[in-house]
Amino acid sequence: AGEQLKVLLAEYGKVGLLVHFSIQLSVLAVVYTAISTAGDPAATLASLLALLPQGLGDAVASKIDPSAGTFAVAFVLTKASAPVRIAMDLAVTPIVADALRNTAVAGILGLKPERA
């Protein structure tokens, strides 16, 4: 997936970065909100880790201090979602680029006009 992301960024440039960071920040915001509204970050973390496959859950758990703040826990969980987020990048970026290609921001984003 890492190589596919490099190809995507080479082809779509700024649009690829815009989509990637938009997805990443959206996931971070959702995870942070879920953890902070649940009340107990440690209990919420345990519940979320239980949803991950055995090896991945253990690997993520080993990197999180249970006493870490809500943002730190949300950040690590967001990083753990990288494979899903990259798949979303690969699916959404071409659609966003096509939608923006003939707009006023196309030049700023480095998009070339559609070929006839």
Protein backbone atom coordinates (compact mmCIF):
# COMPACT_ATOMS: atom_id res chain seq x y z
CA ALA A 1 0.00 0.00 0.00
CA GLY A 2 2.92 2.35 0.67
CA GLU A 3 4.11 2.06 -2.94
CA GLN A 4 0.58 2.65 -4.23
CA LEU A 5 0.38 5.79 -2.08
CA LYS A 6 3.65 7.08 -3.61
CA VAL A 7 2.27 6.51 -7.12
CA LEU A 8 -0.97 8.27 -6.14
CA LEU A 9 0.94 11.28 -4.80
CA ALA A 10 3.12 11.39 -7.91
CA GLU A 11 0.04 11.40 -10.14
CA TYR A 12 -2.27 13.70 -8.15
CA GLY A 13 0.21 15.76 -6.08
CA LYS A 14 -1.47 18.34 -3.89
CA VAL A 15 -4.90 16.75 -4.29
CA GLY A 16 -3.50 13.47 -2.96
CA LEU A 17 -2.04 15.27 0.05
CA LEU A 18 -5.25 17.20 0.61
CA VAL A 19 -7.33 14.01 0.56
CA HIS A 20 -4.84 12.08 2.71
CA PHE A 21 -4.68 14.71 5.46
CA SER A 22 -8.42 15.36 5.33
CA ILE A 23 -9.10 11.68 5.93
CA GLN A 24 -6.44 11.46 8.64
CA LEU A 25 -7.73 14.50 10.53
CA SER A 26 -11.33 13.30 10.19
CA VAL A 27 -10.46 9.89 11.63
CA LEU A 28 -8.46 11.53 14.44
CA ALA A 29 -11.41 13.81 15.27
CA VAL A 30 -13.89 10.91 15.32
CA VAL A 31 -11.64 8.70 17.45
CA TYR A 32 -10.84 11.56 19.85
CA THR A 33 -14.53 12.40 20.20
CA ALA A 34 -15.44 8.76 20.79
CA ILE A 35 -12.80 8.38 23.50
CA SER A 36 -13.50 11.69 25.21
CA THR A 37 -17.28 11.23 25.31
CA ALA A 38 -16.98 7.68 26.62
CA GLY A 39 -15.56 9.06 29.87
CA ASP A 40 -12.81 6.59 30.72
CA PRO A 41 -10.01 6.59 28.10
CA ALA A 42 -8.43 3.39 29.46
CA ALA A 43 -11.70 1.43 29.29
CA THR A 44 -12.52 2.84 25.85
CA LEU A 45 -9.05 1.91 24.65
CA ALA A 46 -9.47 -1.65 25.90
CA SER A 47 -12.81 -1.92 24.11
CA LEU A 48 -11.40 -0.56 20.85
CA LEU A 49 -8.33 -2.80 20.99
CA ALA A 50 -10.60 -5.81 21.46
CA LEU A 51 -12.02 -5.07 17.99
CA LEU A 52 -8.61 -5.41 16.33
CA PRO A 53 -7.12 -8.75 15.26
CA GLN A 54 -5.17 -10.47 18.06
CA GLY A 55 -1.64 -9.58 16.92
CA LEU A 56 -2.45 -6.02 15.91
CA GLY A 57 -4.35 -5.28 19.11
CA ASP A 58 -1.43 -6.50 21.19
CA ALA A 59 1.07 -4.52 19.10
CA VAL A 60 -0.93 -1.31 19.45
CA ALA A 61 -1.53 -1.90 23.17
CA SER A 62 2.21 -2.25 23.77
CA LYS A 63 2.75 1.26 22.37
CA ILE A 64 0.14 3.03 24.49
CA ASP A 65 0.65 4.05 28.08
CA PRO A 66 -2.71 3.43 29.81
CA SER A 67 -2.30 6.72 31.66
CA ALA A 68 -1.72 8.66 28.41
CA GLY A 69 -4.08 11.48 27.65
CA THR A 70 -7.07 11.19 25.38
CA PHE A 71 -5.29 12.85 22.46
CA ALA A 72 -2.30 10.48 22.70
CA VAL A 73 -4.56 7.44 22.70
CA ALA A 74 -6.59 8.82 19.76
CA PHE A 75 -3.39 9.57 17.84
CA VAL A 76 -2.01 6.03 18.23
CA LEU A 77 -5.34 4.47 17.27
CA THR A 78 -5.50 6.74 14.22
CA LYS A 79 -2.01 5.62 13.22
CA ALA A 80 -3.14 2.00 13.61
CA SER A 81 -5.89 2.68 11.07
CA ALA A 82 -3.31 3.54 8.37
CA PRO A 83 -4.07 0.56 6.08
CA VAL A 84 -7.75 1.46 5.95
CA ARG A 85 -7.01 5.16 5.52
CA ILE A 86 -4.57 4.48 2.66
CA ALA A 87 -7.19 2.34 0.93
CA MET A 88 -9.60 5.25 1.28
CA ASP A 89 -6.95 7.62 -0.16
CA LEU A 90 -6.53 5.35 -3.18
CA ALA A 91 -10.27 5.19 -3.78
CA VAL A 92 -11.23 8.82 -3.13
CA THR A 93 -8.33 10.84 -4.59
CA PRO A 94 -9.09 10.18 -8.29
CA ILE A 95 -12.74 11.09 -7.71
CA VAL A 96 -11.84 14.35 -5.95
CA ALA A 97 -9.23 15.19 -8.62
CA ASP A 98 -11.78 14.64 -11.41
CA ALA A 99 -14.31 16.83 -9.60
CA LEU A 100 -11.77 19.64 -9.17
CA ARG A 101 -10.04 19.35 -12.55
CA ASN A 102 -12.19 21.97 -14.35
CA THR A 103 -12.62 24.39 -11.45
CA ALA A 104 -10.83 27.61 -10.54
CA VAL A 105 -8.65 25.81 -7.98
CA ALA A 106 -7.32 23.27 -10.49
CA GLY A 107 -4.26 25.39 -11.30
CA ILE A 108 -3.43 25.96 -7.65
CA LEU A 109 -3.64 22.22 -7.05
CA GLY A 110 -1.51 21.45 -10.11
CA LEU A 111 -4.25 19.61 -11.96
CA LYS A 112 -4.10 19.60 -15.75
CA PRO A 113 -7.35 20.14 -17.67
CA GLU A 114 -9.16 17.03 -18.86
CA ARG A 115 -7.95 15.69 -22.19
CA ALA A 116 -10.49 15.65 -24.99
